[in-house]
Amino acid sequence: MFPACPLSPARHIPCLTCHTEMRQADQRTETLMARALLSNLFILLSCAAVASPAYSSVAGEWRLRGTLTSIVRVDGSTRLKSVEEASDRFLFRADGTFEMIGMQGRWRQNEASFTVYLDPLAVENYFEAAFAEEGVKAVAKATKIVFKGIENGDGTMSGGFLFKMIIYFLDSGLEGEIHSELRFTGTRSARAARFEEITPLRPRRSFAPI
């Protein structure tokens, strides 16, 4: 039953026209309310976007410099330490692969922080080659690899990595441990760098007993 029209002499007689107009007015009110809610929601989302920090991807090529500290312990007693300035090139590819001089792996970014997962075999081969350049035959076994960094607000990056491994010296039959750590800062490359232009990171040079 439709409600009686207040304008009708006989109030018990329903008025279809008035009822239709009332329903249309209610629908217009609901539409206006929905639009107001959507508008407020849009404003809130816009404010949240402005308030939240924006992080760019570290994908691309970076030039890095830092201090490399390496400690070698041989046969549980003799300890040698090397501290040197070093540089490298980091390449974060868009497909998630990573490359630095002599080592490869994968990388992942979470907001401003990134983590690199180097291939342990590549790290071992790298250190074996470094000892070979010094005339030392050795076999390396990685026991710990940590490589993390952060994107800074000024467009640079900073971070560090830690390598721990066991070294087997083939000529002497001795066993050693190596602890190599680098703290670095980096800037994006303005052009593609060639490997030979950069001093590679090496756990060598100026080793002294400690």
N, C-alpha and C. Protein backbone atom coordinates (compact mmCIF):
# COMPACT_ATOMS: atom_id res chain seq x y z
N MET A 1 0.83 -1.20 0.00
CA MET A 1 0.00 0.00 0.00
C MET A 1 0.87 1.25 0.00
N PHE A 2 0.46 2.23 -0.77
CA PHE A 2 1.15 3.52 -0.77
C PHE A 2 0.57 4.41 0.31
N PRO A 3 1.35 5.30 0.89
CA PRO A 3 0.83 6.19 1.93
C PRO A 3 -0.18 7.16 1.35
N ALA A 4 -1.11 7.59 2.20
CA ALA A 4 -2.14 8.55 1.74
C ALA A 4 -1.50 9.91 1.50
N CYS A 5 -1.99 10.57 0.47
CA CYS A 5 -1.46 11.88 0.13
C CYS A 5 -2.03 12.92 1.09
N PRO A 6 -1.17 13.71 1.77
CA PRO A 6 -1.69 14.71 2.71
C PRO A 6 -2.49 15.80 2.00
N LEU A 7 -2.32 15.93 0.69
CA LEU A 7 -3.07 16.94 -0.06
C LEU A 7 -4.43 16.43 -0.52
N SER A 8 -4.68 15.15 -0.39
CA SER A 8 -5.94 14.58 -0.87
C SER A 8 -7.04 14.80 0.16
N PRO A 9 -8.23 15.16 -0.30
CA PRO A 9 -9.35 15.33 0.65
C PRO A 9 -9.60 14.06 1.42
N ALA A 10 -9.49 12.96 0.77
CA ALA A 10 -9.70 11.67 1.45
C ALA A 10 -8.33 11.07 1.72
N ARG A 11 -7.85 11.20 2.96
CA ARG A 11 -6.48 10.83 3.28
C ARG A 11 -6.23 9.34 3.16
N HIS A 12 -7.27 8.54 3.12
CA HIS A 12 -7.06 7.12 3.01
C HIS A 12 -6.81 6.68 1.57
N ILE A 13 -6.91 7.66 0.62
CA ILE A 13 -6.68 7.31 -0.78
C ILE A 13 -5.19 7.48 -1.08
N PRO A 14 -4.49 6.46 -1.50
CA PRO A 14 -3.05 6.58 -1.77
C PRO A 14 -2.79 7.43 -3.01
N CYS A 15 -1.63 8.14 -2.97
CA CYS A 15 -1.23 8.99 -4.09
C CYS A 15 0.06 8.45 -4.68
N LEU A 16 0.02 7.81 -5.84
CA LEU A 16 1.18 7.22 -6.48
C LEU A 16 2.19 8.28 -6.92
N THR A 17 1.70 9.41 -7.38
CA THR A 17 2.59 10.48 -7.85
C THR A 17 3.45 11.02 -6.73
N CYS A 18 2.84 11.29 -5.57
CA CYS A 18 3.61 11.82 -4.44
C CYS A 18 4.62 10.80 -3.94
N HIS A 19 4.21 9.56 -3.91
CA HIS A 19 5.12 8.52 -3.42
C HIS A 19 6.34 8.39 -4.35
N THR A 20 6.11 8.48 -5.65
CA THR A 20 7.21 8.39 -6.61
C THR A 20 8.18 9.55 -6.43
N GLU A 21 7.64 10.75 -6.22
CA GLU A 21 8.49 11.91 -6.02
C GLU A 21 9.30 11.79 -4.75
N MET A 22 8.69 11.22 -3.69
CA MET A 22 9.42 11.03 -2.43
C MET A 22 10.56 10.04 -2.61
N ARG A 23 10.33 8.96 -3.34
CA ARG A 23 11.38 7.96 -3.58
C ARG A 23 12.52 8.56 -4.40
N GLN A 24 12.18 9.36 -5.39
CA GLN A 24 13.22 10.00 -6.21
C GLN A 24 14.06 10.96 -5.37
N ALA A 25 13.40 11.67 -4.45
CA ALA A 25 14.14 12.58 -3.57
C ALA A 25 15.08 11.81 -2.67
N ASP A 26 14.62 10.66 -2.15
CA ASP A 26 15.48 9.82 -1.31
C ASP A 26 16.69 9.30 -2.09
N GLN A 27 16.45 8.90 -3.34
CA GLN A 27 17.55 8.41 -4.17
C GLN A 27 18.58 9.49 -4.44
N ARG A 28 18.10 10.75 -4.68
CA ARG A 28 19.03 11.85 -4.91
C ARG A 28 19.86 12.12 -3.66
N THR A 29 19.20 12.03 -2.50
CA THR A 29 19.94 12.23 -1.23
C THR A 29 21.00 11.17 -1.04
N GLU A 30 20.64 9.89 -1.32
CA GLU A 30 21.61 8.80 -1.18
C GLU A 30 22.78 8.97 -2.14
N THR A 31 22.49 9.43 -3.36
CA THR A 31 23.54 9.65 -4.35
C THR A 31 24.51 10.73 -3.89
N LEU A 32 23.96 11.83 -3.35
CA LEU A 32 24.80 12.91 -2.86
C LEU A 32 25.67 12.45 -1.69
N MET A 33 25.09 11.63 -0.81
CA MET A 33 25.85 11.12 0.33
C MET A 33 26.99 10.20 -0.14
N ALA A 34 26.70 9.35 -1.14
CA ALA A 34 27.72 8.45 -1.66
C ALA A 34 28.86 9.23 -2.30
N ARG A 35 28.50 10.29 -3.05
CA ARG A 35 29.53 11.11 -3.66
C ARG A 35 30.39 11.80 -2.60
N ALA A 36 29.75 12.26 -1.53
CA ALA A 36 30.50 12.91 -0.46
C ALA A 36 31.47 11.93 0.21
N LEU A 37 31.01 10.68 0.43
CA LEU A 37 31.88 9.68 1.04
C LEU A 37 33.07 9.36 0.14
N LEU A 38 32.81 9.21 -1.15
CA LEU A 38 33.90 8.93 -2.09
C LEU A 38 34.89 10.08 -2.15
N SER A 39 34.37 11.31 -2.10
CA SER A 39 35.25 12.47 -2.12
C SER A 39 36.14 12.51 -0.88
N ASN A 40 35.54 12.23 0.29
CA ASN A 40 36.33 12.21 1.53
C ASN A 40 37.38 11.10 1.49
N LEU A 41 36.99 9.94 0.95
CA LEU A 41 37.93 8.83 0.86
C LEU A 41 39.10 9.19 -0.05
N PHE A 42 38.81 9.84 -1.16
CA PHE A 42 39.87 10.26 -2.08
C PHE A 42 40.84 11.23 -1.40
N ILE A 43 40.28 12.15 -0.61
CA ILE A 43 41.13 13.13 0.10
C ILE A 43 42.03 12.42 1.10
N LEU A 44 41.45 11.45 1.83
CA LEU A 44 42.25 10.71 2.83
C LEU A 44 43.37 9.93 2.16
N LEU A 45 43.06 9.26 1.04
CA LEU A 45 44.08 8.50 0.34
C LEU A 45 45.17 9.41 -0.21
N SER A 46 44.79 10.59 -0.69
CA SER A 46 45.77 11.53 -1.22
C SER A 46 46.70 12.02 -0.11
N CYS A 47 46.12 12.30 1.05
CA CYS A 47 46.94 12.75 2.19
C CYS A 47 47.90 11.65 2.62
N ALA A 48 47.42 10.40 2.63
CA ALA A 48 48.28 9.29 3.03
C ALA A 48 49.43 9.12 2.06
N ALA A 49 49.15 9.31 0.77
CA ALA A 49 50.20 9.18 -0.24
C ALA A 49 51.26 10.26 -0.07
N VAL A 50 50.82 11.46 0.28
CA VAL A 50 51.76 12.55 0.47
C VAL A 50 52.59 12.34 1.72
N ALA A 51 51.94 11.82 2.77
CA ALA A 51 52.63 11.63 4.05
C ALA A 51 53.61 10.47 4.01
N SER A 52 53.36 9.45 3.16
CA SER A 52 54.22 8.27 3.11
C SER A 52 55.46 8.57 2.30
N PRO A 53 56.66 8.15 2.77
CA PRO A 53 57.88 8.38 2.00
C PRO A 53 57.88 7.57 0.72
N ALA A 54 58.44 8.15 -0.33
CA ALA A 54 58.51 7.46 -1.62
C ALA A 54 59.92 6.93 -1.81
N TYR A 55 60.03 5.68 -2.16
CA TYR A 55 61.34 5.07 -2.35
C TYR A 55 61.47 4.67 -3.81
N SER A 56 62.58 5.08 -4.41
CA SER A 56 62.83 4.66 -5.78
C SER A 56 63.57 3.33 -5.75
N SER A 57 63.51 2.62 -6.84
CA SER A 57 64.20 1.35 -6.93
C SER A 57 65.70 1.59 -7.08
N VAL A 58 66.50 0.71 -6.47
CA VAL A 58 67.96 0.82 -6.62
C VAL A 58 68.42 0.21 -7.94
N ALA A 59 67.49 -0.28 -8.75
CA ALA A 59 67.85 -0.89 -10.03
C ALA A 59 68.71 0.08 -10.84
N GLY A 60 69.77 -0.46 -11.40
CA GLY A 60 70.69 0.36 -12.18
C GLY A 60 72.13 0.09 -11.76
N GLU A 61 73.02 0.95 -12.19
CA GLU A 61 74.44 0.77 -11.92
C GLU A 61 74.93 1.80 -10.92
N TRP A 62 75.73 1.33 -9.97
CA TRP A 62 76.25 2.19 -8.91
C TRP A 62 77.76 2.06 -8.82
N ARG A 63 78.41 3.16 -8.46
CA ARG A 63 79.85 3.15 -8.17
C ARG A 63 80.01 3.22 -6.66
N LEU A 64 80.80 2.29 -6.12
CA LEU A 64 80.93 2.17 -4.67
C LEU A 64 82.37 2.39 -4.22
N ARG A 65 82.50 2.99 -3.05
CA ARG A 65 83.79 3.13 -2.40
C ARG A 65 83.63 2.84 -0.92
N GLY A 66 84.68 2.26 -0.35
CA GLY A 66 84.61 1.96 1.06
C GLY A 66 85.92 1.43 1.59
N THR A 67 85.90 0.98 2.83
CA THR A 67 87.07 0.42 3.49
C THR A 67 86.87 -1.07 3.69
N LEU A 68 87.79 -1.84 3.15
CA LEU A 68 87.73 -3.29 3.25
C LEU A 68 88.71 -3.76 4.32
N THR A 69 88.20 -4.46 5.31
CA THR A 69 89.03 -5.02 6.38
C THR A 69 88.98 -6.54 6.29
N SER A 70 90.13 -7.16 6.19
CA SER A 70 90.21 -8.61 6.10
C SER A 70 91.15 -9.14 7.18
N ILE A 71 90.73 -10.18 7.85
CA ILE A 71 91.55 -10.83 8.87
C ILE A 71 91.65 -12.31 8.52
N VAL A 72 92.87 -12.80 8.44
CA VAL A 72 93.11 -14.21 8.14
C VAL A 72 93.76 -14.86 9.36
N ARG A 73 93.18 -15.93 9.81
CA ARG A 73 93.74 -16.70 10.92
C ARG A 73 94.19 -18.05 10.36
N VAL A 74 95.45 -18.39 10.56
CA VAL A 74 96.02 -19.62 10.02
C VAL A 74 96.37 -20.57 11.16
N ASP A 75 95.92 -21.80 11.03
CA ASP A 75 96.25 -22.84 11.99
C ASP A 75 95.88 -22.45 13.42
N GLY A 76 94.82 -21.64 13.54
CA GLY A 76 94.31 -21.28 14.86
C GLY A 76 95.15 -20.32 15.65
N SER A 77 96.28 -19.85 15.12
CA SER A 77 97.15 -18.98 15.90
C SER A 77 97.58 -17.74 15.12
N THR A 78 98.30 -17.94 14.03
CA THR A 78 98.81 -16.80 13.27
C THR A 78 97.66 -15.99 12.68
N ARG A 79 97.70 -14.68 12.93
CA ARG A 79 96.64 -13.80 12.43
C ARG A 79 97.25 -12.69 11.59
N LEU A 80 96.68 -12.50 10.42
CA LEU A 80 97.11 -11.43 9.52
C LEU A 80 95.93 -10.52 9.24
N LYS A 81 96.21 -9.21 9.17
CA LYS A 81 95.13 -8.24 8.96
C LYS A 81 95.49 -7.29 7.83
N SER A 82 94.49 -6.98 7.02
CA SER A 82 94.67 -6.03 5.93
C SER A 82 93.52 -5.03 5.96
N VAL A 83 93.86 -3.75 5.87
CA VAL A 83 92.86 -2.67 5.79
C VAL A 83 93.21 -1.83 4.58
N GLU A 84 92.28 -1.67 3.66
CA GLU A 84 92.57 -0.92 2.44
C GLU A 84 91.32 -0.25 1.91
N GLU A 85 91.54 0.83 1.20
CA GLU A 85 90.45 1.49 0.49
C GLU A 85 90.16 0.72 -0.78
N ALA A 86 88.91 0.55 -1.08
CA ALA A 86 88.54 -0.24 -2.26
C ALA A 86 87.34 0.39 -2.96
N SER A 87 87.15 0.01 -4.19
CA SER A 87 86.00 0.48 -4.98
C SER A 87 85.45 -0.68 -5.78
N ASP A 88 84.23 -0.53 -6.22
CA ASP A 88 83.61 -1.60 -7.00
C ASP A 88 82.46 -1.02 -7.80
N ARG A 89 81.90 -1.84 -8.63
CA ARG A 89 80.71 -1.48 -9.40
C ARG A 89 79.62 -2.47 -9.05
N PHE A 90 78.46 -1.96 -8.64
CA PHE A 90 77.30 -2.80 -8.36
C PHE A 90 76.27 -2.60 -9.47
N LEU A 91 75.77 -3.70 -10.00
CA LEU A 91 74.76 -3.63 -11.05
C LEU A 91 73.51 -4.37 -10.58
N PHE A 92 72.45 -3.61 -10.30
CA PHE A 92 71.16 -4.16 -9.90
C PHE A 92 70.27 -4.21 -11.15
N ARG A 93 70.10 -5.39 -11.70
CA ARG A 93 69.28 -5.50 -12.90
C ARG A 93 67.80 -5.57 -12.55
N ALA A 94 66.97 -5.11 -13.49
CA ALA A 94 65.53 -5.07 -13.27
C ALA A 94 64.93 -6.46 -13.10
N ASP A 95 65.59 -7.50 -13.62
CA ASP A 95 65.06 -8.86 -13.50
C ASP A 95 65.41 -9.51 -12.16
N GLY A 96 66.04 -8.73 -11.25
CA GLY A 96 66.36 -9.26 -9.94
C GLY A 96 67.74 -9.85 -9.80
N THR A 97 68.52 -9.87 -10.87
CA THR A 97 69.89 -10.39 -10.78
C THR A 97 70.84 -9.25 -10.39
N PHE A 98 71.95 -9.64 -9.80
CA PHE A 98 72.93 -8.67 -9.29
C PHE A 98 74.32 -9.08 -9.75
N GLU A 99 75.16 -8.08 -9.98
CA GLU A 99 76.54 -8.35 -10.38
C GLU A 99 77.47 -7.30 -9.78
N MET A 100 78.57 -7.76 -9.23
CA MET A 100 79.68 -6.90 -8.86
C MET A 100 80.93 -7.53 -9.46
N ILE A 101 82.08 -6.92 -9.26
CA ILE A 101 83.27 -7.44 -9.90
C ILE A 101 83.58 -8.84 -9.38
N GLY A 102 83.45 -9.83 -10.25
CA GLY A 102 83.80 -11.20 -9.90
C GLY A 102 82.75 -11.98 -9.14
N MET A 103 81.63 -11.40 -8.82
CA MET A 103 80.59 -12.11 -8.07
C MET A 103 79.22 -11.79 -8.64
N GLN A 104 78.30 -12.75 -8.48
CA GLN A 104 76.95 -12.58 -8.98
C GLN A 104 75.95 -13.08 -7.92
N GLY A 105 74.72 -12.70 -8.10
CA GLY A 105 73.67 -13.18 -7.19
C GLY A 105 72.33 -12.58 -7.57
N ARG A 106 71.48 -12.42 -6.55
CA ARG A 106 70.18 -11.82 -6.76
C ARG A 106 69.96 -10.76 -5.68
N TRP A 107 69.01 -9.85 -5.94
CA TRP A 107 68.76 -8.79 -4.97
C TRP A 107 67.26 -8.60 -4.78
N ARG A 108 66.91 -8.03 -3.64
CA ARG A 108 65.51 -7.75 -3.31
C ARG A 108 65.46 -6.46 -2.51
N GLN A 109 64.44 -5.65 -2.76
CA GLN A 109 64.30 -4.36 -2.07
C GLN A 109 62.98 -4.30 -1.33
N ASN A 110 63.01 -3.77 -0.09
CA ASN A 110 61.82 -3.55 0.73
C ASN A 110 61.86 -2.10 1.20
N GLU A 111 61.06 -1.26 0.56
CA GLU A 111 61.08 0.18 0.81
C GLU A 111 62.50 0.70 0.57
N ALA A 112 63.14 1.29 1.60
CA ALA A 112 64.46 1.86 1.38
C ALA A 112 65.59 0.84 1.52
N SER A 113 65.30 -0.32 2.10
CA SER A 113 66.35 -1.31 2.36
C SER A 113 66.43 -2.34 1.24
N PHE A 114 67.65 -2.81 0.99
CA PHE A 114 67.83 -3.86 0.00
C PHE A 114 68.77 -4.93 0.55
N THR A 115 68.60 -6.13 0.05
CA THR A 115 69.44 -7.26 0.43
C THR A 115 69.93 -7.94 -0.83
N VAL A 116 71.21 -8.28 -0.84
CA VAL A 116 71.81 -9.00 -1.97
C VAL A 116 72.14 -10.41 -1.51
N TYR A 117 71.75 -11.39 -2.32
CA TYR A 117 72.02 -12.79 -2.03
C TYR A 117 73.06 -13.29 -3.04
N LEU A 118 74.32 -13.21 -2.63
CA LEU A 118 75.39 -13.63 -3.53
C LEU A 118 75.45 -15.14 -3.65
N ASP A 119 75.87 -15.60 -4.80
CA ASP A 119 76.08 -17.02 -5.04
C ASP A 119 77.32 -17.47 -4.25
N PRO A 120 77.17 -18.37 -3.27
CA PRO A 120 78.34 -18.79 -2.46
C PRO A 120 79.50 -19.31 -3.30
N LEU A 121 79.19 -20.05 -4.37
CA LEU A 121 80.25 -20.58 -5.21
C LEU A 121 81.04 -19.45 -5.87
N ALA A 122 80.34 -18.40 -6.29
CA ALA A 122 81.03 -17.27 -6.91
C ALA A 122 81.94 -16.57 -5.91
N VAL A 123 81.48 -16.46 -4.66
CA VAL A 123 82.31 -15.85 -3.61
C VAL A 123 83.55 -16.69 -3.36
N GLU A 124 83.38 -18.00 -3.26
CA GLU A 124 84.51 -18.89 -3.03
C GLU A 124 85.52 -18.81 -4.17
N ASN A 125 85.03 -18.83 -5.40
CA ASN A 125 85.94 -18.73 -6.56
C ASN A 125 86.70 -17.41 -6.56
N TYR A 126 86.02 -16.37 -6.15
CA TYR A 126 86.63 -15.05 -6.13
C TYR A 126 87.81 -15.01 -5.16
N PHE A 127 87.60 -15.54 -3.96
CA PHE A 127 88.67 -15.52 -2.96
C PHE A 127 89.81 -16.46 -3.35
N GLU A 128 89.49 -17.58 -3.94
CA GLU A 128 90.54 -18.48 -4.41
C GLU A 128 91.41 -17.79 -5.46
N ALA A 129 90.75 -17.04 -6.35
CA ALA A 129 91.49 -16.31 -7.38
C ALA A 129 92.36 -15.22 -6.76
N ALA A 130 91.84 -14.59 -5.70
CA ALA A 130 92.61 -13.54 -5.04
C ALA A 130 93.88 -14.10 -4.42
N PHE A 131 93.79 -15.27 -3.77
CA PHE A 131 94.98 -15.89 -3.21
C PHE A 131 95.93 -16.35 -4.32
N ALA A 132 95.37 -16.85 -5.42
CA ALA A 132 96.19 -17.33 -6.53
C ALA A 132 97.03 -16.19 -7.11
N GLU A 133 96.48 -14.98 -7.13
CA GLU A 133 97.24 -13.84 -7.64
C GLU A 133 98.45 -13.55 -6.76
N GLU A 134 98.40 -13.99 -5.50
CA GLU A 134 99.53 -13.82 -4.59
C GLU A 134 100.43 -15.06 -4.57
N GLY A 135 100.16 -16.01 -5.47
CA GLY A 135 100.97 -17.21 -5.55
C GLY A 135 100.64 -18.25 -4.51
N VAL A 136 99.43 -18.17 -3.93
CA VAL A 136 99.01 -19.11 -2.88
C VAL A 136 97.87 -19.97 -3.41
N LYS A 137 98.07 -21.28 -3.41
CA LYS A 137 97.02 -22.19 -3.82
C LYS A 137 96.12 -22.47 -2.63
N ALA A 138 94.84 -22.18 -2.79
CA ALA A 138 93.92 -22.34 -1.66
C ALA A 138 92.54 -22.73 -2.17
N VAL A 139 91.79 -23.38 -1.30
CA VAL A 139 90.40 -23.73 -1.55
C VAL A 139 89.56 -23.05 -0.48
N ALA A 140 88.53 -22.33 -0.90
CA ALA A 140 87.70 -21.57 0.04
C ALA A 140 86.34 -22.23 0.21
N LYS A 141 85.80 -22.15 1.42
CA LYS A 141 84.46 -22.65 1.72
C LYS A 141 83.72 -21.58 2.53
N ALA A 142 82.73 -20.96 1.90
CA ALA A 142 81.99 -19.89 2.57
C ALA A 142 81.13 -20.45 3.69
N THR A 143 81.17 -19.78 4.84
CA THR A 143 80.35 -20.18 5.99
C THR A 143 79.32 -19.12 6.35
N LYS A 144 79.53 -17.88 5.94
CA LYS A 144 78.56 -16.81 6.23
C LYS A 144 78.71 -15.70 5.20
N ILE A 145 77.59 -15.28 4.63
CA ILE A 145 77.57 -14.17 3.68
C ILE A 145 76.40 -13.27 4.04
N VAL A 146 76.68 -12.04 4.39
CA VAL A 146 75.63 -11.06 4.71
C VAL A 146 75.91 -9.80 3.88
N PHE A 147 74.89 -9.34 3.16
CA PHE A 147 75.09 -8.20 2.25
C PHE A 147 73.80 -7.38 2.26
N LYS A 148 73.85 -6.23 2.92
CA LYS A 148 72.65 -5.39 3.04
C LYS A 148 73.01 -3.92 2.85
N GLY A 149 71.99 -3.14 2.48
CA GLY A 149 72.21 -1.71 2.32
C GLY A 149 70.91 -0.95 2.39
N ILE A 150 71.02 0.37 2.22
CA ILE A 150 69.85 1.23 2.31
C ILE A 150 69.98 2.37 1.30
N GLU A 151 68.84 2.77 0.76
CA GLU A 151 68.78 3.93 -0.13
C GLU A 151 68.59 5.18 0.73
N ASN A 152 69.51 6.12 0.61
CA ASN A 152 69.44 7.35 1.41
C ASN A 152 68.56 8.39 0.73
N GLY A 153 68.11 9.34 1.53
CA GLY A 153 67.23 10.36 1.01
C GLY A 153 67.86 11.28 -0.01
N ASP A 154 69.19 11.37 -0.02
CA ASP A 154 69.87 12.24 -0.97
C ASP A 154 70.21 11.54 -2.28
N GLY A 155 69.68 10.32 -2.47
CA GLY A 155 69.91 9.62 -3.72
C GLY A 155 71.15 8.74 -3.72
N THR A 156 71.84 8.65 -2.60
CA THR A 156 73.00 7.77 -2.50
C THR A 156 72.59 6.47 -1.81
N MET A 157 73.51 5.53 -1.72
CA MET A 157 73.25 4.31 -0.96
C MET A 157 74.41 4.07 -0.01
N SER A 158 74.13 3.33 1.04
CA SER A 158 75.17 2.94 1.99
C SER A 158 74.84 1.56 2.52
N GLY A 159 75.86 0.87 2.99
CA GLY A 159 75.63 -0.47 3.49
C GLY A 159 76.93 -1.19 3.75
N GLY A 160 76.86 -2.50 3.74
CA GLY A 160 78.07 -3.27 3.99
C GLY A 160 77.83 -4.74 3.73
N PHE A 161 78.93 -5.47 3.66
CA PHE A 161 78.81 -6.91 3.57
C PHE A 161 79.86 -7.57 4.44
N LEU A 162 79.58 -8.79 4.81
CA LEU A 162 80.45 -9.58 5.66
C LEU A 162 80.61 -10.96 5.05
N PHE A 163 81.85 -11.38 4.86
CA PHE A 163 82.15 -12.73 4.38
C PHE A 163 82.96 -13.45 5.46
N LYS A 164 82.55 -14.67 5.75
CA LYS A 164 83.35 -15.55 6.60
C LYS A 164 83.53 -16.87 5.86
N MET A 165 84.74 -17.39 5.86
CA MET A 165 84.97 -18.64 5.16
C MET A 165 86.17 -19.38 5.71
N ILE A 166 86.22 -20.65 5.42
CA ILE A 166 87.36 -21.49 5.77
C ILE A 166 88.25 -21.61 4.54
N ILE A 167 89.56 -21.47 4.75
CA ILE A 167 90.52 -21.55 3.66
C ILE A 167 91.44 -22.75 3.89
N TYR A 168 91.56 -23.58 2.88
CA TYR A 168 92.48 -24.72 2.93
C TYR A 168 93.68 -24.38 2.03
N PHE A 169 94.87 -24.27 2.64
CA PHE A 169 96.08 -23.96 1.89
C PHE A 169 96.70 -25.27 1.40
N LEU A 170 96.70 -25.46 0.10
CA LEU A 170 97.04 -26.75 -0.48
C LEU A 170 98.52 -27.09 -0.34
N ASP A 171 99.39 -26.14 -0.51
CA ASP A 171 100.83 -26.43 -0.46
C ASP A 171 101.30 -26.79 0.95
N SER A 172 100.79 -26.10 1.93
CA SER A 172 101.25 -26.32 3.31
C SER A 172 100.40 -27.31 4.07
N GLY A 173 99.19 -27.55 3.57
CA GLY A 173 98.28 -28.43 4.30
C GLY A 173 97.63 -27.77 5.49
N LEU A 174 97.85 -26.48 5.67
CA LEU A 174 97.26 -25.76 6.80
C LEU A 174 95.82 -25.34 6.49
N GLU A 175 95.10 -25.07 7.54
CA GLU A 175 93.72 -24.61 7.41
C GLU A 175 93.61 -23.24 8.07
N GLY A 176 92.86 -22.37 7.44
CA GLY A 176 92.71 -21.03 7.98
C GLY A 176 91.27 -20.54 7.90
N GLU A 177 91.04 -19.40 8.50
CA GLU A 177 89.74 -18.74 8.46
C GLU A 177 89.95 -17.32 7.97
N ILE A 178 89.00 -16.83 7.22
CA ILE A 178 89.08 -15.45 6.74
C ILE A 178 87.78 -14.73 7.08
N HIS A 179 87.95 -13.52 7.58
CA HIS A 179 86.83 -12.65 7.94
C HIS A 179 87.04 -11.36 7.16
N SER A 180 86.16 -11.08 6.21
CA SER A 180 86.31 -9.92 5.34
C SER A 180 85.04 -9.07 5.43
N GLU A 181 85.23 -7.78 5.70
CA GLU A 181 84.08 -6.90 5.91
C GLU A 181 84.30 -5.57 5.19
N LEU A 182 83.25 -5.08 4.56
CA LEU A 182 83.32 -3.81 3.84
C LEU A 182 82.15 -2.92 4.24
N ARG A 183 82.45 -1.66 4.55
CA ARG A 183 81.42 -0.63 4.70
C ARG A 183 81.55 0.30 3.50
N PHE A 184 80.43 0.55 2.80
CA PHE A 184 80.54 1.30 1.55
C PHE A 184 79.48 2.39 1.45
N THR A 185 79.75 3.34 0.59
CA THR A 185 78.78 4.33 0.14
C THR A 185 78.83 4.33 -1.38
N GLY A 186 77.72 4.70 -2.00
CA GLY A 186 77.68 4.64 -3.46
C GLY A 186 76.81 5.70 -4.08
N THR A 187 77.10 5.98 -5.33
CA THR A 187 76.31 6.91 -6.13
C THR A 187 76.00 6.25 -7.46
N ARG A 188 74.92 6.66 -8.07
CA ARG A 188 74.57 6.10 -9.38
C ARG A 188 75.58 6.51 -10.43
N SER A 189 75.86 5.59 -11.34
CA SER A 189 76.81 5.85 -12.41
C SER A 189 76.18 6.74 -13.46
N ALA A 190 76.94 7.72 -13.90
CA ALA A 190 76.46 8.59 -14.97
C ALA A 190 76.59 7.93 -16.33
N ARG A 191 77.45 6.92 -16.40
CA ARG A 191 77.65 6.19 -17.65
C ARG A 191 78.03 4.76 -17.31
N ALA A 192 78.04 3.90 -18.29
CA ALA A 192 78.42 2.51 -18.07
C ALA A 192 79.92 2.43 -17.76
N ALA A 193 80.26 1.81 -16.65
CA ALA A 193 81.66 1.69 -16.25
C ALA A 193 82.24 0.39 -16.77
N ARG A 194 83.52 0.44 -17.09
CA ARG A 194 84.22 -0.78 -17.48
C ARG A 194 84.92 -1.35 -16.27
N PHE A 195 84.92 -2.66 -16.15
CA PHE A 195 85.51 -3.29 -14.99
C PHE A 195 86.96 -2.86 -14.77
N GLU A 196 87.73 -2.72 -15.86
CA GLU A 196 89.15 -2.44 -15.69
C GLU A 196 89.40 -1.05 -15.15
N GLU A 197 88.36 -0.19 -15.10
CA GLU A 197 88.54 1.15 -14.58
C GLU A 197 88.46 1.19 -13.06
N ILE A 198 88.08 0.09 -12.44
CA ILE A 198 87.81 0.08 -11.02
C ILE A 198 88.76 -0.86 -10.30
N THR A 199 89.26 -0.43 -9.14
CA THR A 199 90.09 -1.30 -8.33
C THR A 199 89.20 -2.34 -7.65
N PRO A 200 89.36 -3.61 -7.96
CA PRO A 200 88.47 -4.61 -7.38
C PRO A 200 88.72 -4.82 -5.90
N LEU A 201 87.67 -5.29 -5.20
CA LEU A 201 87.80 -5.63 -3.80
C LEU A 201 88.59 -6.92 -3.69
N ARG A 202 89.67 -6.89 -2.91
CA ARG A 202 90.49 -8.08 -2.77
C ARG A 202 90.91 -8.24 -1.31
N PRO A 203 90.85 -9.46 -0.78
CA PRO A 203 91.32 -9.70 0.59
C PRO A 203 92.83 -9.88 0.60
N ARG A 204 93.56 -8.87 0.18
CA ARG A 204 95.00 -8.97 0.06
C ARG A 204 95.63 -7.60 0.20
N ARG A 205 96.95 -7.54 -0.04
CA ARG A 205 97.76 -6.33 0.04
C ARG A 205 97.96 -5.91 1.49
N SER A 206 99.19 -5.62 1.83
CA SER A 206 99.57 -5.05 3.12
C SER A 206 99.08 -5.86 4.31
N PHE A 207 99.10 -7.18 4.20
CA PHE A 207 98.76 -7.99 5.35
C PHE A 207 99.88 -7.87 6.39
N ALA A 208 99.49 -7.73 7.65
CA ALA A 208 100.47 -7.61 8.73
C ALA A 208 100.01 -8.46 9.89
N PRO A 209 100.95 -9.06 10.64
CA PRO A 209 100.57 -9.86 11.81
C PRO A 209 99.86 -9.00 12.84
N ILE A 210 98.88 -9.59 13.52
CA ILE A 210 98.19 -8.89 14.60
C ILE A 210 98.09 -9.81 15.81
